[in-house]
């Protein structure tokens, strides 16, 4: 799911679709306790928020990825 989000964001410029994929990826990763994908999903969601000039949300997600 993470890679689908990357494709949607980078190649298609569809941030809404990317957000949907990253959120699904995060939910599945949390169910499986896959820390690598949890961190990546939060970072990628933070990147999109940063691109949308939502710095506070981006910072929050970046900080969560460090926990």
Protein backbone atom coordinates (compact mmCIF):
# COMPACT_ATOMS: atom_id res chain seq x y z
CA UNK A 1 0.00 0.00 0.00
CA UNK A 2 2.85 2.37 0.77
CA UNK A 3 4.23 2.03 -2.73
CA UNK A 4 0.78 2.69 -4.21
CA UNK A 5 0.74 5.90 -2.22
CA UNK A 6 4.15 6.88 -3.54
CA UNK A 7 3.01 6.26 -7.09
CA UNK A 8 -0.17 8.28 -6.62
CA UNK A 9 1.69 11.19 -5.02
CA UNK A 10 4.79 11.33 -7.16
CA UNK A 11 3.71 10.13 -10.58
CA UNK A 12 0.08 11.17 -10.65
CA UNK A 13 0.14 14.15 -8.29
CA UNK A 14 -3.01 12.79 -6.63
CA UNK A 15 -2.36 13.58 -2.98
CA UNK A 16 -5.86 12.59 -1.87
CA UNK A 17 -5.44 9.11 -3.33
CA UNK A 18 -1.96 8.87 -1.81
CA UNK A 19 -3.33 9.82 1.61
CA UNK A 20 -5.95 7.09 1.31
CA UNK A 21 -3.29 4.48 0.47
CA UNK A 22 -0.97 5.63 3.27
CA UNK A 23 -3.78 5.52 5.83
CA UNK A 24 -4.74 2.01 4.72
CA UNK A 25 -1.09 1.00 4.87
CA UNK A 26 -0.75 2.45 8.36
CA UNK A 27 -3.87 0.66 9.59
CA UNK A 28 -2.69 -2.70 8.24
CA UNK A 29 0.84 -2.19 9.57
CA UNK A 30 -0.49 -1.40 13.03
CA UNK A 31 -2.59 -4.60 13.00
CA UNK A 32 0.51 -6.61 12.05
CA UNK A 33 2.85 -4.59 14.27
CA UNK A 34 5.09 -3.87 11.28
CA UNK A 35 7.17 -0.98 12.65
CA UNK A 36 9.00 -0.26 9.40
CA UNK A 37 5.76 0.31 7.48
CA UNK A 38 4.21 2.27 10.36
CA UNK A 39 7.15 4.66 10.34
CA UNK A 40 7.23 4.95 6.54
CA UNK A 41 3.49 5.63 6.34
CA UNK A 42 3.70 8.39 8.94
CA UNK A 43 6.67 9.99 7.19
CA UNK A 44 4.95 9.89 3.80
CA UNK A 45 1.75 11.35 5.28
CA UNK A 46 3.91 14.04 6.86
CA UNK A 47 5.52 14.76 3.50
CA UNK A 48 2.12 15.34 1.90
CA UNK A 49 1.06 17.64 4.72
CA UNK A 50 4.31 19.54 4.32
CA UNK A 51 3.71 19.89 0.57
CA UNK A 52 0.25 21.25 1.37
CA UNK A 53 1.83 23.79 3.77
CA UNK A 54 0.28 22.13 6.82
CA UNK A 55 3.51 22.33 8.74
CA UNK A 56 2.01 21.60 12.17
CA UNK A 57 0.45 18.32 10.99
CA UNK A 58 3.61 17.36 9.14
CA UNK A 59 5.72 17.96 12.23
CA UNK A 60 3.30 15.94 14.36
CA UNK A 61 3.52 12.96 11.99
CA UNK A 62 7.30 13.23 11.74
CA UNK A 63 7.55 13.23 15.55
CA UNK A 64 5.22 10.23 15.77
CA UNK A 65 7.43 8.33 13.34
CA UNK A 66 10.32 8.68 15.80
CA UNK A 67 8.48 6.96 18.67
